[in-house]
C-alpha cells in the first residue's frame, strides 16, 4: 500500500516552499533613512548593557528598567558631507522585547515595527 503518492508529495513540497514567504520579515521604519531589519536590530543588540542607559532615551512601553545599546548609521551625503543618524536599541521584559529609537532634529523618536514589503 502506497501511503504518499508522487502527486501529493509534489503538492506538499510546493506548499512548504510558500510557508516562509507568507510570514514575511519585519523591519523598523524610522523618521529618516532606510528601514532597519529586525535581524539587524537583534544582531546589534548583542552585548547590551544597562550602563548605556541615559535619561534622555525614550521610555519603553512597559516603563520598566531596561538595557540598551547605541549605534550610528550613515543617512546619506550632500555636497561631500556625510550625515549619520544615531540609534538606540532598548531591550526590556522577559522574554526580551526590543524597541528601536532614532535621534533626529534633537529628539528621540521610537521607530515602528512593520512587515517588510
N, C-alpha and C. Protein backbone atom coordinates (compact mmCIF):
# COMPACT_ATOMS: atom_id res chain seq x y z
N UNK A 1 0.84 -1.18 0.00
CA UNK A 1 0.00 0.00 0.00
C UNK A 1 0.89 1.24 0.00
N UNK A 2 0.62 2.12 -0.91
CA UNK A 2 1.40 3.35 -1.05
C UNK A 2 0.76 4.44 -0.20
N UNK A 3 1.48 4.95 0.80
CA UNK A 3 0.92 5.96 1.69
C UNK A 3 0.93 7.35 1.08
N UNK A 4 2.02 7.68 0.43
CA UNK A 4 2.14 9.01 -0.17
C UNK A 4 2.43 8.85 -1.65
N UNK A 5 1.56 9.38 -2.46
CA UNK A 5 1.77 9.29 -3.90
C UNK A 5 2.70 10.40 -4.36
N UNK A 6 3.22 10.27 -5.55
CA UNK A 6 4.12 11.29 -6.08
C UNK A 6 3.40 12.62 -6.27
N UNK A 7 2.12 12.57 -6.60
CA UNK A 7 1.34 13.80 -6.78
C UNK A 7 1.20 14.55 -5.47
N UNK A 8 0.89 13.84 -4.40
CA UNK A 8 0.74 14.52 -3.10
C UNK A 8 2.09 15.00 -2.57
N UNK A 9 3.16 14.28 -2.90
CA UNK A 9 4.50 14.71 -2.48
C UNK A 9 4.86 16.03 -3.15
N UNK A 10 4.58 16.16 -4.43
CA UNK A 10 4.86 17.39 -5.16
C UNK A 10 4.01 18.53 -4.61
N UNK A 11 2.74 18.26 -4.34
CA UNK A 11 1.86 19.29 -3.79
C UNK A 11 2.34 19.76 -2.43
N UNK A 12 2.74 18.81 -1.58
CA UNK A 12 3.24 19.17 -0.25
C UNK A 12 4.53 19.98 -0.34
N UNK A 13 5.43 19.60 -1.24
CA UNK A 13 6.68 20.35 -1.43
C UNK A 13 6.39 21.78 -1.87
N UNK A 14 5.41 21.93 -2.77
CA UNK A 14 5.04 23.27 -3.22
C UNK A 14 4.49 24.12 -2.09
N UNK A 15 3.68 23.52 -1.23
CA UNK A 15 3.14 24.25 -0.08
C UNK A 15 4.23 24.65 0.90
N UNK A 16 5.17 23.75 1.12
CA UNK A 16 6.26 24.06 2.05
C UNK A 16 7.12 25.22 1.55
N UNK A 17 7.26 25.36 0.24
CA UNK A 17 8.02 26.48 -0.31
C UNK A 17 7.31 27.81 -0.08
N UNK A 18 6.00 27.80 0.01
CA UNK A 18 5.23 29.03 0.20
C UNK A 18 5.19 29.50 1.65
N UNK A 19 5.42 28.63 2.59
CA UNK A 19 5.29 28.99 4.00
C UNK A 19 6.24 30.13 4.41
N UNK A 20 7.55 30.08 4.12
CA UNK A 20 8.40 31.21 4.52
C UNK A 20 7.98 32.53 3.89
N UNK A 21 7.49 32.51 2.68
CA UNK A 21 7.07 33.74 2.01
C UNK A 21 5.83 34.33 2.67
N UNK A 22 4.99 33.49 3.25
CA UNK A 22 3.76 34.01 3.87
C UNK A 22 4.06 34.73 5.18
N UNK A 23 5.12 34.34 5.86
CA UNK A 23 5.45 35.00 7.12
C UNK A 23 6.02 36.39 6.88
N UNK A 24 6.86 36.54 5.89
CA UNK A 24 7.50 37.83 5.65
C UNK A 24 8.51 38.13 6.74
N UNK A 25 9.25 39.19 6.58
CA UNK A 25 10.19 39.60 7.61
C UNK A 25 9.77 40.97 8.12
N UNK A 26 10.19 41.26 9.32
CA UNK A 26 9.82 42.53 9.93
C UNK A 26 10.97 43.51 9.84
N UNK A 27 10.62 44.79 9.83
CA UNK A 27 11.63 45.84 9.79
C UNK A 27 11.14 47.03 10.62
N UNK A 28 12.10 47.81 11.07
CA UNK A 28 11.79 49.03 11.81
C UNK A 28 11.83 50.20 10.84
N UNK A 29 10.78 51.00 10.84
CA UNK A 29 10.70 52.20 9.99
C UNK A 29 10.90 53.40 10.90
N UNK A 30 11.94 54.18 10.61
CA UNK A 30 12.28 55.36 11.40
C UNK A 30 11.95 56.62 10.59
N UNK A 31 11.93 57.80 11.25
CA UNK A 31 11.58 59.03 10.53
C UNK A 31 12.48 59.33 9.33
N UNK A 32 13.76 59.01 9.44
CA UNK A 32 14.70 59.30 8.34
C UNK A 32 15.50 58.06 8.02
N UNK A 33 15.90 57.95 6.77
CA UNK A 33 16.77 56.84 6.35
C UNK A 33 16.00 55.60 5.95
N UNK A 34 16.75 54.58 5.58
CA UNK A 34 16.18 53.31 5.14
C UNK A 34 15.68 52.51 6.33
N UNK A 35 14.73 51.59 6.11
CA UNK A 35 14.28 50.72 7.19
C UNK A 35 15.43 49.84 7.68
N UNK A 36 15.34 49.41 8.92
CA UNK A 36 16.35 48.54 9.53
C UNK A 36 15.66 47.22 9.86
N UNK A 37 16.23 46.12 9.39
CA UNK A 37 15.60 44.83 9.60
C UNK A 37 15.64 44.42 11.07
N UNK A 38 14.67 43.63 11.46
CA UNK A 38 14.63 43.13 12.84
C UNK A 38 15.87 42.27 13.12
N UNK A 39 16.33 41.55 12.11
CA UNK A 39 17.54 40.73 12.26
C UNK A 39 18.75 41.60 12.61
N UNK A 40 18.87 42.77 11.94
CA UNK A 40 19.98 43.68 12.26
C UNK A 40 19.86 44.21 13.68
N UNK A 41 18.65 44.54 14.11
CA UNK A 41 18.45 45.04 15.47
C UNK A 41 18.86 43.96 16.48
N UNK A 42 18.48 42.72 16.23
CA UNK A 42 18.87 41.63 17.13
C UNK A 42 20.39 41.46 17.16
N UNK A 43 21.01 41.58 15.99
CA UNK A 43 22.47 41.44 15.91
C UNK A 43 23.17 42.59 16.64
N UNK A 44 22.70 43.84 16.43
CA UNK A 44 23.31 45.00 17.08
C UNK A 44 23.11 44.97 18.59
N UNK A 45 22.03 44.35 19.05
CA UNK A 45 21.73 44.39 20.48
C UNK A 45 22.54 43.39 21.30
N UNK A 46 23.29 42.54 20.66
CA UNK A 46 24.12 41.59 21.40
C UNK A 46 25.12 42.37 22.27
N UNK A 47 25.25 41.97 23.51
CA UNK A 47 26.18 42.63 24.40
C UNK A 47 25.65 43.93 24.97
N UNK A 48 24.33 44.12 24.96
CA UNK A 48 23.75 45.34 25.51
C UNK A 48 24.01 45.41 27.02
N UNK A 49 24.03 46.59 27.54
CA UNK A 49 24.36 46.78 28.94
C UNK A 49 23.53 47.91 29.53
N UNK A 50 23.11 47.75 30.78
CA UNK A 50 22.36 48.80 31.44
C UNK A 50 23.21 50.05 31.69
N UNK A 51 24.51 49.91 31.58
CA UNK A 51 25.38 51.08 31.81
C UNK A 51 25.23 52.11 30.70
N UNK A 52 24.62 51.72 29.56
CA UNK A 52 24.44 52.66 28.46
C UNK A 52 23.13 53.44 28.54
N UNK A 53 22.35 53.24 29.59
CA UNK A 53 21.07 53.95 29.70
C UNK A 53 21.30 55.43 30.00
N UNK A 54 20.55 56.27 29.31
CA UNK A 54 20.57 57.70 29.58
C UNK A 54 19.14 58.16 29.84
N UNK A 55 18.97 59.16 30.68
CA UNK A 55 17.63 59.68 30.99
C UNK A 55 16.93 60.23 29.74
N UNK A 56 17.70 60.67 28.75
CA UNK A 56 17.09 61.27 27.56
C UNK A 56 16.49 60.22 26.61
N UNK A 57 16.83 58.95 26.78
CA UNK A 57 16.27 57.91 25.91
C UNK A 57 14.76 57.79 26.14
N UNK A 58 14.00 57.39 25.11
CA UNK A 58 12.55 57.25 25.28
C UNK A 58 12.21 56.15 26.29
N UNK A 59 11.03 56.25 26.89
CA UNK A 59 10.57 55.22 27.80
C UNK A 59 10.16 53.98 27.02
N UNK A 60 10.35 52.83 27.61
CA UNK A 60 9.86 51.60 26.99
C UNK A 60 8.36 51.49 27.27
N UNK A 61 7.64 50.72 26.47
CA UNK A 61 6.20 50.58 26.70
C UNK A 61 5.86 50.08 28.10
N UNK A 62 6.72 49.24 28.66
CA UNK A 62 6.46 48.70 29.99
C UNK A 62 6.84 49.69 31.08
N UNK A 63 7.62 50.70 30.74
CA UNK A 63 8.07 51.69 31.72
C UNK A 63 9.01 51.11 32.77
N UNK A 64 9.60 49.97 32.46
CA UNK A 64 10.48 49.27 33.39
C UNK A 64 11.94 49.54 33.08
N UNK A 65 12.79 49.04 33.98
CA UNK A 65 14.22 49.14 33.78
C UNK A 65 14.60 48.35 32.53
N UNK A 66 15.53 48.84 31.76
CA UNK A 66 15.90 48.22 30.51
C UNK A 66 17.39 48.35 30.29
N UNK A 67 17.89 47.61 29.34
CA UNK A 67 19.28 47.78 28.91
C UNK A 67 19.26 48.27 27.48
N UNK A 68 20.34 48.85 27.05
CA UNK A 68 20.34 49.46 25.73
C UNK A 68 21.72 49.43 25.09
N UNK A 69 21.72 49.65 23.81
CA UNK A 69 22.96 49.79 23.06
C UNK A 69 22.77 50.92 22.04
N UNK A 70 23.84 51.59 21.73
CA UNK A 70 23.82 52.79 20.89
C UNK A 70 24.65 52.52 19.65
N UNK A 71 24.19 52.97 18.48
CA UNK A 71 24.99 52.87 17.26
C UNK A 71 24.61 53.99 16.31
N UNK A 72 25.46 54.23 15.32
CA UNK A 72 25.16 55.23 14.29
C UNK A 72 25.19 54.54 12.93
N UNK A 73 24.50 55.16 11.99
CA UNK A 73 24.43 54.63 10.64
C UNK A 73 24.36 55.80 9.66
N UNK A 74 25.08 55.72 8.54
CA UNK A 74 25.04 56.82 7.58
C UNK A 74 23.65 56.97 6.95
N UNK A 75 23.21 58.22 6.81
CA UNK A 75 21.92 58.50 6.15
C UNK A 75 22.11 58.87 4.69
N UNK A 76 23.26 59.43 4.38
CA UNK A 76 23.50 59.86 3.01
C UNK A 76 24.51 60.99 2.99
N UNK A 77 24.74 61.53 1.82
CA UNK A 77 25.72 62.60 1.68
C UNK A 77 25.13 63.72 0.83
N UNK A 78 25.46 64.95 1.23
CA UNK A 78 25.07 66.13 0.46
C UNK A 78 26.31 67.00 0.34
N UNK A 79 26.70 67.29 -0.89
CA UNK A 79 27.89 68.12 -1.16
C UNK A 79 29.11 67.62 -0.39
N UNK A 80 29.38 66.32 -0.52
CA UNK A 80 30.54 65.66 0.08
C UNK A 80 30.51 65.63 1.61
N UNK A 81 29.40 65.98 2.23
CA UNK A 81 29.27 65.87 3.68
C UNK A 81 28.38 64.67 3.98
N UNK A 82 28.88 63.73 4.76
CA UNK A 82 28.11 62.54 5.10
C UNK A 82 27.33 62.78 6.38
N UNK A 83 26.05 62.45 6.34
CA UNK A 83 25.20 62.59 7.52
C UNK A 83 24.93 61.22 8.11
N UNK A 84 24.95 61.15 9.43
CA UNK A 84 24.68 59.90 10.13
C UNK A 84 23.54 60.10 11.11
N UNK A 85 22.84 59.03 11.37
CA UNK A 85 21.76 59.05 12.35
C UNK A 85 22.22 58.24 13.57
N UNK A 86 21.77 58.66 14.74
CA UNK A 86 22.05 57.94 15.97
C UNK A 86 20.84 57.09 16.32
N UNK A 87 21.09 55.89 16.79
CA UNK A 87 20.02 54.96 17.15
C UNK A 87 20.31 54.39 18.54
N UNK A 88 19.24 54.02 19.22
CA UNK A 88 19.38 53.28 20.47
C UNK A 88 18.41 52.11 20.41
N UNK A 89 18.91 50.94 20.79
CA UNK A 89 18.08 49.75 20.90
C UNK A 89 17.88 49.49 22.39
N UNK A 90 16.63 49.44 22.82
CA UNK A 90 16.32 49.18 24.21
C UNK A 90 15.76 47.77 24.33
N UNK A 91 16.31 47.01 25.25
CA UNK A 91 15.89 45.63 25.48
C UNK A 91 15.23 45.59 26.85
N UNK A 92 13.97 45.14 26.89
CA UNK A 92 13.23 45.13 28.14
C UNK A 92 12.35 43.88 28.23
N UNK A 93 11.87 43.60 29.42
CA UNK A 93 10.98 42.48 29.72
C UNK A 93 11.67 41.12 29.56
N UNK A 94 10.95 40.10 30.01
CA UNK A 94 11.42 38.73 29.91
C UNK A 94 10.25 37.87 29.48
N UNK A 95 10.22 37.30 28.29
CA UNK A 95 11.28 37.25 27.29
C UNK A 95 11.56 38.63 26.70
N UNK A 96 12.76 38.82 26.17
CA UNK A 96 13.17 40.15 25.70
C UNK A 96 12.27 40.73 24.61
N UNK A 97 11.98 41.99 24.76
CA UNK A 97 11.29 42.78 23.75
C UNK A 97 12.27 43.87 23.30
N UNK A 98 12.15 44.33 22.08
CA UNK A 98 13.10 45.29 21.52
C UNK A 98 12.38 46.54 21.05
N UNK A 99 12.99 47.69 21.36
CA UNK A 99 12.47 48.97 20.88
C UNK A 99 13.63 49.73 20.26
N UNK A 100 13.44 50.22 19.04
CA UNK A 100 14.47 50.99 18.34
C UNK A 100 14.02 52.43 18.27
N UNK A 101 14.92 53.35 18.59
CA UNK A 101 14.62 54.78 18.50
C UNK A 101 15.74 55.47 17.72
N UNK A 102 15.37 56.52 17.00
CA UNK A 102 16.32 57.28 16.18
C UNK A 102 16.37 58.72 16.69
N UNK A 103 17.58 59.27 16.74
CA UNK A 103 17.77 60.65 17.19
C UNK A 103 17.85 61.55 15.97
N UNK A 104 16.82 62.37 15.78
CA UNK A 104 16.81 63.33 14.67
C UNK A 104 16.24 64.64 15.16
N UNK A 105 16.79 65.72 14.66
CA UNK A 105 16.32 67.07 14.98
C UNK A 105 16.29 67.31 16.50
N UNK A 106 17.25 66.72 17.22
CA UNK A 106 17.36 66.93 18.66
C UNK A 106 16.35 66.17 19.51
N UNK A 107 15.65 65.18 18.91
CA UNK A 107 14.62 64.44 19.63
C UNK A 107 14.75 62.95 19.33
N UNK A 108 14.55 62.11 20.35
CA UNK A 108 14.49 60.67 20.15
C UNK A 108 13.08 60.30 19.72
N UNK A 109 12.95 59.56 18.63
CA UNK A 109 11.66 59.10 18.12
C UNK A 109 11.69 57.58 18.02
N UNK A 110 10.68 56.94 18.58
CA UNK A 110 10.58 55.48 18.52
C UNK A 110 10.19 55.06 17.10
N UNK A 111 10.93 54.11 16.55
CA UNK A 111 10.66 53.58 15.21
C UNK A 111 9.56 52.52 15.30
N UNK A 112 8.77 52.42 14.25
CA UNK A 112 7.67 51.45 14.24
C UNK A 112 8.12 50.14 13.61
N UNK A 113 7.63 49.04 14.17
CA UNK A 113 7.93 47.71 13.64
C UNK A 113 6.81 47.33 12.68
N UNK A 114 7.17 46.96 11.45
CA UNK A 114 6.17 46.63 10.44
C UNK A 114 6.66 45.48 9.57
N UNK A 115 5.74 44.91 8.83
CA UNK A 115 6.10 43.87 7.87
C UNK A 115 6.85 44.50 6.70
N UNK A 116 7.93 43.87 6.26
CA UNK A 116 8.64 44.41 5.09
C UNK A 116 7.84 44.07 3.84
N UNK A 117 8.02 44.91 2.83
CA UNK A 117 7.21 44.76 1.61
C UNK A 117 8.03 44.36 0.44
